[in-house]
C-alpha atoms as a PDB file:
ATOM      1  CA  UNK A   1       0.000   0.000   0.000  1.00  0.00           C
ATOM      2  CA  UNK A   2       1.396   3.415  -0.957  1.00  0.00           C
ATOM      3  CA  UNK A   3       0.102   6.628   0.665  1.00  0.00           C
ATOM      4  CA  UNK A   4      -3.024   4.707   1.644  1.00  0.00           C
ATOM      5  CA  UNK A   5      -3.665   3.502  -1.935  1.00  0.00           C
ATOM      6  CA  UNK A   6      -3.690  -0.312  -2.273  1.00  0.00           C
ATOM      7  CA  UNK A   7      -1.401  -2.026  -4.757  1.00  0.00           C
ATOM      8  CA  UNK A   8      -3.339  -4.853  -6.406  1.00  0.00           C
ATOM      9  CA  UNK A   9      -2.053  -8.165  -7.719  1.00  0.00           C
ATOM     10  CA  UNK A  10      -3.027  -9.636 -11.085  1.00  0.00           C
ATOM     11  CA  UNK A  11      -5.951 -11.650  -9.689  1.00  0.00           C
ATOM     12  CA  UNK A  12      -7.318  -8.604  -7.894  1.00  0.00           C
ATOM     13  CA  UNK A  13      -6.995  -6.477 -11.019  1.00  0.00           C
ATOM     14  CA  UNK A  14      -9.022  -9.058 -12.922  1.00  0.00           C
ATOM     15  CA  UNK A  15     -11.827  -8.725 -10.364  1.00  0.00           C
ATOM     16  CA  UNK A  16     -11.690  -4.933 -10.649  1.00  0.00           C
ATOM     17  CA  UNK A  17     -11.725  -5.286 -14.439  1.00  0.00           C
ATOM     18  CA  UNK A  18     -14.844  -7.447 -14.262  1.00  0.00           C
ATOM     19  CA  UNK A  19     -16.671  -4.971 -12.014  1.00  0.00           C
ATOM     20  CA  UNK A  20     -15.621  -2.106 -14.261  1.00  0.00           C
ATOM     21  CA  UNK A  21     -17.029  -3.857 -17.325  1.00  0.00           C
ATOM     22  CA  UNK A  22     -20.359  -4.334 -15.572  1.00  0.00           C
ATOM     23  CA  UNK A  23     -20.621  -0.651 -14.663  1.00  0.00           C
ATOM     24  CA  UNK A  24     -19.737   0.334 -18.225  1.00  0.00           C
ATOM     25  CA  UNK A  25     -22.332  -2.087 -19.582  1.00  0.00           C
ATOM     26  CA  UNK A  26     -25.058  -0.302 -17.625  1.00  0.00           C
ATOM     27  CA  UNK A  27     -24.209   2.981 -19.334  1.00  0.00           C
ATOM     28  CA  UNK A  28     -24.233   1.301 -22.727  1.00  0.00           C
ATOM     29  CA  UNK A  29     -27.614  -0.258 -21.963  1.00  0.00           C
ATOM     30  CA  UNK A  30     -29.281   2.934 -20.706  1.00  0.00           C
ATOM     31  CA  UNK A  31     -28.309   5.083 -23.696  1.00  0.00           C
ATOM     32  CA  UNK A  32     -31.372   4.118 -25.748  1.00  0.00           C
ATOM     33  CA  UNK A  33     -33.654   5.196 -22.890  1.00  0.00           C
ATOM     34  CA  UNK A  34     -32.229   8.717 -22.515  1.00  0.00           C
ATOM     35  CA  UNK A  35     -34.854  10.512 -24.593  1.00  0.00           C
ATOM     36  CA  UNK A  36     -37.121  13.555 -24.222  1.00  0.00           C
ATOM     37  CA  UNK A  37     -40.066  12.857 -21.913  1.00  0.00           C
ATOM     38  CA  UNK A  38     -38.415  10.221 -19.726  1.00  0.00           C
ATOM     39  CA  UNK A  39     -38.071  10.837 -15.997  1.00  0.00           C
ATOM     40  CA  UNK A  40     -34.760  10.361 -14.255  1.00  0.00           C
ATOM     41  CA  UNK A  41     -36.590   8.018 -11.863  1.00  0.00           C
ATOM     42  CA  UNK A  42     -37.487   5.770 -14.805  1.00  0.00           C
ATOM     43  CA  UNK A  43     -33.832   5.681 -15.835  1.00  0.00           C
ATOM     44  CA  UNK A  44     -32.914   4.784 -12.261  1.00  0.00           C
ATOM     45  CA  UNK A  45     -35.393   1.901 -12.178  1.00  0.00           C
ATOM     46  CA  UNK A  46     -34.164   0.520 -15.499  1.00  0.00           C
ATOM     47  CA  UNK A  47     -30.563   0.596 -14.293  1.00  0.00           C
ATOM     48  CA  UNK A  48     -31.489  -0.970 -10.958  1.00  0.00           C
ATOM     49  CA  UNK A  49     -33.337  -3.836 -12.615  1.00  0.00           C
ATOM     50  CA  UNK A  50     -30.457  -4.467 -15.010  1.00  0.00           C
ATOM     51  CA  UNK A  51     -27.817  -4.526 -12.272  1.00  0.00           C
ATOM     52  CA  UNK A  52     -29.829  -6.806 -10.001  1.00  0.00           C
ATOM     53  CA  UNK A  53     -31.604  -9.106 -12.461  1.00  0.00           C
ATOM     54  CA  UNK A  54     -29.253  -9.261 -15.449  1.00  0.00           C
ATOM     55  CA  UNK A  55     -25.828  -8.753 -13.894  1.00  0.00           C
ATOM     56  CA  UNK A  56     -26.593 -10.408 -10.547  1.00  0.00           C
ATOM     57  CA  UNK A  57     -24.668  -7.551  -8.952  1.00  0.00           C
ATOM     58  CA  UNK A  58     -25.354  -4.956  -6.251  1.00  0.00           C
ATOM     59  CA  UNK A  59     -26.170  -1.281  -6.980  1.00  0.00           C
ATOM     60  CA  UNK A  60     -23.296   0.212  -4.998  1.00  0.00           C
ATOM     61  CA  UNK A  61     -24.708   3.735  -4.782  1.00  0.00           C
ATOM     62  CA  UNK A  62     -27.957   2.610  -3.168  1.00  0.00           C
ATOM     63  CA  UNK A  63     -27.696   3.218   0.569  1.00  0.00           C
ATOM     64  CA  UNK A  64     -24.182   4.651   0.385  1.00  0.00           C
ATOM     65  CA  UNK A  65     -24.127   7.170   3.265  1.00  0.00           C
ATOM     66  CA  UNK A  66     -27.902   7.156   2.945  1.00  0.00           C
ATOM     67  CA  UNK A  67     -28.090   7.828  -0.805  1.00  0.00           C
ATOM     68  CA  UNK A  68     -31.597   6.740  -1.888  1.00  0.00           C
ATOM     69  CA  UNK A  69     -31.149   5.687  -5.525  1.00  0.00           C
ATOM     70  CA  UNK A  70     -29.188   3.385  -7.827  1.00  0.00           C
ATOM     71  CA  UNK A  71     -27.707   5.990 -10.195  1.00  0.00           C
ATOM     72  CA  UNK A  72     -26.890   9.675 -10.019  1.00  0.00           C
ATOM     73  CA  UNK A  73     -28.470  11.877 -12.684  1.00  0.00           C
ATOM     74  CA  UNK A  74     -26.986  15.364 -13.012  1.00  0.00           C
ATOM     75  CA  UNK A  75     -28.905  17.500 -15.515  1.00  0.00           C
ATOM     76  CA  UNK A  76     -27.694  20.794 -17.054  1.00  0.00           C
ATOM     77  CA  UNK A  77     -26.456  23.014 -14.182  1.00  0.00           C
ATOM     78  CA  UNK A  78     -26.134  20.076 -11.760  1.00  0.00           C
ATOM     79  CA  UNK A  79     -22.431  19.400 -11.309  1.00  0.00           C
ATOM     80  CA  UNK A  80     -22.720  16.024  -9.567  1.00  0.00           C
ATOM     81  CA  UNK A  81     -24.776  13.839  -7.207  1.00  0.00           C
ATOM     82  CA  UNK A  82     -28.174  14.638  -8.733  1.00  0.00           C
ATOM     83  CA  UNK A  83     -30.903  12.394  -7.295  1.00  0.00           C
ATOM     84  CA  UNK A  84     -33.310  10.710  -9.757  1.00  0.00           C
ATOM     85  CA  UNK A  85     -36.908  11.868  -9.409  1.00  0.00           C
ATOM     86  CA  UNK A  86     -40.277  11.066 -10.931  1.00  0.00           C
ATOM     87  CA  UNK A  87     -40.824  14.793 -11.431  1.00  0.00           C
ATOM     88  CA  UNK A  88     -37.547  15.462 -13.251  1.00  0.00           C
ATOM     89  CA  UNK A  89     -38.486  14.956 -16.884  1.00  0.00           C
ATOM     90  CA  UNK A  90     -35.767  15.224 -19.506  1.00  0.00           C
ATOM     91  CA  UNK A  91     -36.473  17.603 -22.375  1.00  0.00           C
ATOM     92  CA  UNK A  92     -34.926  18.298 -25.755  1.00  0.00           C
ATOM     93  CA  UNK A  93     -31.632  20.092 -25.451  1.00  0.00           C
ATOM     94  CA  UNK A  94     -30.798  18.836 -21.954  1.00  0.00           C
ATOM     95  CA  UNK A  95     -27.447  17.331 -21.117  1.00  0.00           C
ATOM     96  CA  UNK A  96     -27.282  14.742 -18.358  1.00  0.00           C
ATOM     97  CA  UNK A  97     -24.527  12.875 -16.601  1.00  0.00           C
ATOM     98  CA  UNK A  98     -25.411   9.357 -15.459  1.00  0.00           C
ATOM     99  CA  UNK A  99     -23.114   7.921 -12.790  1.00  0.00           C
ATOM    100  CA  UNK A 100     -23.188   4.177 -12.140  1.00  0.00           C
ATOM    101  CA  UNK A 101     -21.443   2.104  -9.481  1.00  0.00           C
ATOM    102  CA  UNK A 102     -21.837  -1.655  -9.122  1.00  0.00           C
ATOM    103  CA  UNK A 103     -20.517  -4.108  -6.557  1.00  0.00           C
ATOM    104  CA  UNK A 104     -19.668  -7.625  -7.751  1.00  0.00           C
ATOM    105  CA  UNK A 105     -18.002 -10.209  -5.531  1.00  0.00           C
ATOM    106  CA  UNK A 106     -16.675  -7.475  -3.264  1.00  0.00           C
ATOM    107  CA  UNK A 107     -15.247  -5.309  -6.052  1.00  0.00           C
ATOM    108  CA  UNK A 108     -16.530  -1.943  -7.236  1.00  0.00           C
ATOM    109  CA  UNK A 109     -16.978  -0.685 -10.771  1.00  0.00           C
ATOM    110  CA  UNK A 110     -17.559   3.065 -11.082  1.00  0.00           C
ATOM    111  CA  UNK A 111     -18.062   5.201 -14.197  1.00  0.00           C
ATOM    112  CA  UNK A 112     -20.105   8.064 -15.584  1.00  0.00           C
ATOM    113  CA  UNK A 113     -20.701   9.732 -18.924  1.00  0.00           C
ATOM    114  CA  UNK A 114     -22.677  12.531 -20.490  1.00  0.00           C
ATOM    115  CA  UNK A 115     -25.737  12.053 -22.684  1.00  0.00           C
ATOM    116  CA  UNK A 116     -27.428  14.490 -25.052  1.00  0.00           C
ATOM    117  CA  UNK A 117     -31.218  14.577 -24.901  1.00  0.00           C
ATOM    118  CA  UNK A 118     -32.136  15.390 -28.467  1.00  0.00           C
ATOM    119  CA  UNK A 119     -29.954  18.073 -30.055  1.00  0.00           C
ATOM    120  CA  UNK A 120     -27.904  20.148 -27.604  1.00  0.00           C
ATOM    121  CA  UNK A 121     -26.993  23.814 -27.938  1.00  0.00           C
ATOM    122  CA  UNK A 122     -23.641  24.717 -29.460  1.00  0.00           C
ATOM    123  CA  UNK A 123     -22.323  25.649 -26.010  1.00  0.00           C
ATOM    124  CA  UNK A 124     -23.573  22.426 -24.419  1.00  0.00           C
ATOM    125  CA  UNK A 125     -21.988  20.282 -27.116  1.00  0.00           C
ATOM    126  CA  UNK A 126     -18.678  22.131 -26.856  1.00  0.00           C
ATOM    127  CA  UNK A 127     -18.680  21.800 -23.058  1.00  0.00           C
ATOM    128  CA  UNK A 128     -19.388  18.071 -23.166  1.00  0.00           C
ATOM    129  CA  UNK A 129     -16.815  17.397 -25.882  1.00  0.00           C
ATOM    130  CA  UNK A 130     -14.180  19.448 -24.058  1.00  0.00           C
ATOM    131  CA  UNK A 131     -14.865  17.602 -20.798  1.00  0.00           C
ATOM    132  CA  UNK A 132     -14.340  14.291 -22.584  1.00  0.00           C
ATOM    133  CA  UNK A 133     -11.109  15.606 -24.084  1.00  0.00           C
ATOM    134  CA  UNK A 134     -10.030  16.609 -20.570  1.00  0.00           C
ATOM    135  CA  UNK A 135     -10.757  13.086 -19.317  1.00  0.00           C
ATOM    136  CA  UNK A 136      -8.590  11.587 -22.064  1.00  0.00           C
ATOM    137  CA  UNK A 137      -5.816  14.082 -21.387  1.00  0.00           C
ATOM    138  CA  UNK A 138      -5.863  13.113 -17.722  1.00  0.00           C
ATOM    139  CA  UNK A 139      -5.862   9.396 -18.455  1.00  0.00           C
ATOM    140  CA  UNK A 140      -2.853   9.742 -20.767  1.00  0.00           C
ATOM    141  CA  UNK A 141      -0.788  11.034 -17.839  1.00  0.00           C
ATOM    142  CA  UNK A 142      -1.236   7.789 -15.914  1.00  0.00           C
ATOM    143  CA  UNK A 143       1.974   5.786 -15.537  1.00  0.00           C
ATOM    144  CA  UNK A 144       4.284   4.713 -12.727  1.00  0.00           C
ATOM    145  CA  UNK A 145       6.086   7.724 -11.281  1.00  0.00           C
ATOM    146  CA  UNK A 146       3.490  10.271 -12.360  1.00  0.00           C
ATOM    147  CA  UNK A 147       1.282  11.970  -9.774  1.00  0.00           C
ATOM    148  CA  UNK A 148      -2.371  12.833  -9.434  1.00  0.00           C
ATOM    149  CA  UNK A 149      -1.204  16.409  -9.823  1.00  0.00           C
ATOM    150  CA  UNK A 150      -0.002  15.613 -13.339  1.00  0.00           C
ATOM    151  CA  UNK A 151      -3.484  14.354 -14.163  1.00  0.00           C
ATOM    152  CA  UNK A 152      -5.077  17.488 -12.749  1.00  0.00           C
ATOM    153  CA  UNK A 153      -2.725  19.746 -14.684  1.00  0.00           C
ATOM    154  CA  UNK A 154      -3.599  18.029 -17.963  1.00  0.00           C
ATOM    155  CA  UNK A 155      -7.314  18.421 -17.254  1.00  0.00           C
ATOM    156  CA  UNK A 156      -6.878  22.077 -16.290  1.00  0.00           C
ATOM    157  CA  UNK A 157      -4.925  22.805 -19.480  1.00  0.00           C
ATOM    158  CA  UNK A 158      -7.671  21.435 -21.721  1.00  0.00           C
ATOM    159  CA  UNK A 159     -10.381  23.316 -19.832  1.00  0.00           C
ATOM    160  CA  UNK A 160      -8.544  26.626 -19.851  1.00  0.00           C
ATOM    161  CA  UNK A 161      -7.777  26.402 -23.552  1.00  0.00           C
ATOM    162  CA  UNK A 162     -11.542  26.153 -24.183  1.00  0.00           C
ATOM    163  CA  UNK A 163     -12.293  28.899 -21.601  1.00  0.00           C
ATOM    164  CA  UNK A 164     -14.170  26.586 -19.272  1.00  0.00           C
ATOM    165  CA  UNK A 165     -13.583  26.258 -15.530  1.00  0.00           C
ATOM    166  CA  UNK A 166     -12.714  23.169 -13.504  1.00  0.00           C
ATOM    167  CA  UNK A 167     -14.586  22.308 -10.319  1.00  0.00           C
ATOM    168  CA  UNK A 168     -11.923  22.034  -7.609  1.00  0.00           C
ATOM    169  CA  UNK A 169     -13.836  20.807  -4.572  1.00  0.00           C
ATOM    170  CA  UNK A 170     -13.561  17.134  -5.563  1.00  0.00           C
ATOM    171  CA  UNK A 171      -9.928  16.840  -6.636  1.00  0.00           C
ATOM    172  CA  UNK A 172      -7.289  14.295  -5.706  1.00  0.00           C
ATOM    173  CA  UNK A 173      -3.916  14.929  -4.068  1.00  0.00           C
ATOM    174  CA  UNK A 174      -0.339  14.645  -5.296  1.00  0.00           C
ATOM    175  CA  UNK A 175       0.064  10.915  -4.722  1.00  0.00           C
ATOM    176  CA  UNK A 176       2.805   9.268  -6.787  1.00  0.00           C
ATOM    177  CA  UNK A 177       1.407   6.495  -8.968  1.00  0.00           C
ATOM    178  CA  UNK A 178       2.601   2.888  -8.877  1.00  0.00           C
ATOM    179  CA  UNK A 179       1.692  -0.149 -10.965  1.00  0.00           C
ATOM    180  CA  UNK A 180      -1.262  -1.961  -9.422  1.00  0.00           C
ATOM    181  CA  UNK A 181      -3.127   1.137  -8.253  1.00  0.00           C
ATOM    182  CA  UNK A 182      -6.780   1.503  -9.257  1.00  0.00           C
ATOM    183  CA  UNK A 183      -8.666   4.805  -9.067  1.00  0.00           C
ATOM    184  CA  UNK A 184     -11.138   6.981 -10.947  1.00  0.00           C
ATOM    185  CA  UNK A 185     -10.532  10.109 -12.994  1.00  0.00           C
ATOM    186  CA  UNK A 186     -13.618  12.325 -13.169  1.00  0.00           C
ATOM    187  CA  UNK A 187     -13.186  15.864 -14.487  1.00  0.00           C
ATOM    188  CA  UNK A 188     -16.067  18.284 -13.887  1.00  0.00           C
ATOM    189  CA  UNK A 189     -16.107  21.362 -16.121  1.00  0.00           C
ATOM    190  CA  UNK A 190     -18.424  24.366 -15.919  1.00  0.00           C
ATOM    191  CA  UNK A 191     -19.375  26.676 -18.763  1.00  0.00           C
ATOM    192  CA  UNK A 192     -19.270  29.584 -16.316  1.00  0.00           C
ATOM    193  CA  UNK A 193     -17.437  30.064 -13.043  1.00  0.00           C
ATOM    194  CA  UNK A 194     -15.995  27.147 -11.045  1.00  0.00           C
ATOM    195  CA  UNK A 195     -17.907  27.863  -7.808  1.00  0.00           C
ATOM    196  CA  UNK A 196     -20.577  25.386  -6.702  1.00  0.00           C
ATOM    197  CA  UNK A 197     -23.147  25.003  -3.946  1.00  0.00           C
ATOM    198  CA  UNK A 198     -24.888  22.046  -2.357  1.00  0.00           C
ATOM    199  CA  UNK A 199     -28.674  21.962  -2.291  1.00  0.00           C
ATOM    200  CA  UNK A 200     -30.686  21.293   0.902  1.00  0.00           C
ATOM    201  CA  UNK A 201     -31.011  17.584   0.012  1.00  0.00           C
ATOM    202  CA  UNK A 202     -27.331  17.349   1.063  1.00  0.00           C
ATOM    203  CA  UNK A 203     -26.440  15.569  -2.178  1.00  0.00           C
ATOM    204  CA  UNK A 204     -27.110  17.650  -5.275  1.00  0.00           C
ATOM    205  CA  UNK A 205     -24.305  20.050  -6.210  1.00  0.00           C
ATOM    206  CA  UNK A 206     -25.032  22.831  -8.720  1.00  0.00           C
ATOM    207  CA  UNK A 207     -23.094  25.678 -10.288  1.00  0.00           C
ATOM    208  CA  UNK A 208     -23.516  28.882  -8.300  1.00  0.00           C
ATOM    209  CA  UNK A 209     -24.032  30.921 -11.457  1.00  0.00           C
ATOM    210  CA  UNK A 210     -26.472  28.345 -12.913  1.00  0.00           C
ATOM    211  CA  UNK A 211     -24.186  27.700 -15.866  1.00  0.00           C
ATOM    212  CA  UNK A 212     -24.033  24.298 -17.554  1.00  0.00           C
ATOM    213  CA  UNK A 213     -21.755  21.619 -16.120  1.00  0.00           C
ATOM    214  CA  UNK A 214     -20.406  18.357 -17.539  1.00  0.00           C
ATOM    215  CA  UNK A 215     -18.564  15.384 -16.091  1.00  0.00           C
ATOM    216  CA  UNK A 216     -17.031  12.119 -17.256  1.00  0.00           C
ATOM    217  CA  UNK A 217     -15.543   9.341 -15.152  1.00  0.00           C
ATOM    218  CA  UNK A 218     -13.410   6.325 -15.943  1.00  0.00           C
ATOM    219  CA  UNK A 219     -11.868   3.803 -13.586  1.00  0.00           C
ATOM    220  CA  UNK A 220      -8.240   3.147 -14.483  1.00  0.00           C
ATOM    221  CA  UNK A 221      -5.460   0.843 -13.380  1.00  0.00           C
ATOM    222  CA  UNK A 222      -1.795   1.803 -13.401  1.00  0.00           C
ATOM    223  CA  UNK A 223       0.210  -0.750 -15.401  1.00  0.00           C
ATOM    224  CA  UNK A 224       3.996  -1.159 -15.563  1.00  0.00           C
ATOM    225  CA  UNK A 225       4.013   0.704 -18.885  1.00  0.00           C
ATOM    226  CA  UNK A 226       1.126   3.146 -18.434  1.00  0.00           C
ATOM    227  CA  UNK A 227      -2.566   2.616 -17.866  1.00  0.00           C
ATOM    228  CA  UNK A 228      -5.579   0.416 -18.531  1.00  0.00           C
ATOM    229  CA  UNK A 229      -9.112   1.822 -18.684  1.00  0.00           C
ATOM    230  CA  UNK A 230     -11.341  -0.623 -16.793  1.00  0.00           C
ATOM    231  CA  UNK A 231     -14.672   0.994 -17.738  1.00  0.00           C
ATOM    232  CA  UNK A 232     -14.674   1.566 -21.515  1.00  0.00           C
ATOM    233  CA  UNK A 233     -18.319   2.070 -22.459  1.00  0.00           C
ATOM    234  CA  UNK A 234     -19.793  -0.409 -24.935  1.00  0.00           C
ATOM    235  CA  UNK A 235     -21.877   0.938 -27.797  1.00  0.00           C
ATOM    236  CA  UNK A 236     -22.157   4.634 -27.215  1.00  0.00           C
ATOM    237  CA  UNK A 237     -21.539   7.365 -29.728  1.00  0.00           C
ATOM    238  CA  UNK A 238     -18.425   7.766 -31.809  1.00  0.00           C
ATOM    239  CA  UNK A 239     -17.366  10.702 -29.629  1.00  0.00           C
ATOM    240  CA  UNK A 240     -16.915   8.323 -26.689  1.00  0.00           C
ATOM    241  CA  UNK A 241     -14.883   5.649 -28.408  1.00  0.00           C
ATOM    242  CA  UNK A 242     -12.850   3.312 -26.172  1.00  0.00           C
ATOM    243  CA  UNK A 243      -9.644   4.845 -24.866  1.00  0.00           C
END
């Protein structure tokens, strides 16, 4: 264990890889259901049923520190931790992040990606595409000897070049990476200012200036020569091709 981060053996990495594939599969499955007129609660129920009945896995978010749902659905100005609701109906032009975590045989798989509901605005599309570029830039820094700070710098550089801001409240520290480590990279970019606030539900985080926000998340393993993405999304759009 290094700086509190476990170093996993080959067998353990295979278990993490399996859990990561399951989480990614949920996002591939739910894509067809992310359409105008659907409630985020309906999306939550579909994901829950798939994890439990098809994957024979456990929805890891459900009950985590009291969280009441299976997925997190963060729409438009919601930065992260949006709670699915029967009254939150997706409409044309929305952007939504769906965050999935599954538990299989004691191992977690955790990933999230953005979805367009119908045709997004030019700004929304640019924000989402830039956030994905930032994720890839961060992932490409992963190798033994690099630090989490290197990942953050790469993400910040992409965001600044596009004149977007990076949410800083949920960042990692300068831990030096070693082969066998497993962690997530999840850049959150805002179209406006970086400041956020938490709503009274104690979960939902929104941009203070009500600007759009986007987030992507992959679970990665550090390999002797670089990295392995454990949560590449199946299907999906061409913009989110496997890393």
